[in-house]
């Protein structure tokens, strides 16, 4: 496992940063209105992926 990580470290860093960037962009354009239960769960998952924790969330 560690050999895989060390061999593909550059690709893994690109993948992780792409996920964070994409989730952050989606969260930035998504309104924070009353949403049904399914979309509220998806929004929470996207907030975690975008590293929107604590005071970083939209008001």
Foldseek 3Di string as FASTA:
>chain_A
DVVVCVVCVVVVVVVLVVQLVVLVVVQVPDDPDDDDPVVVVVNVVSCVSVVVDDPNHDD
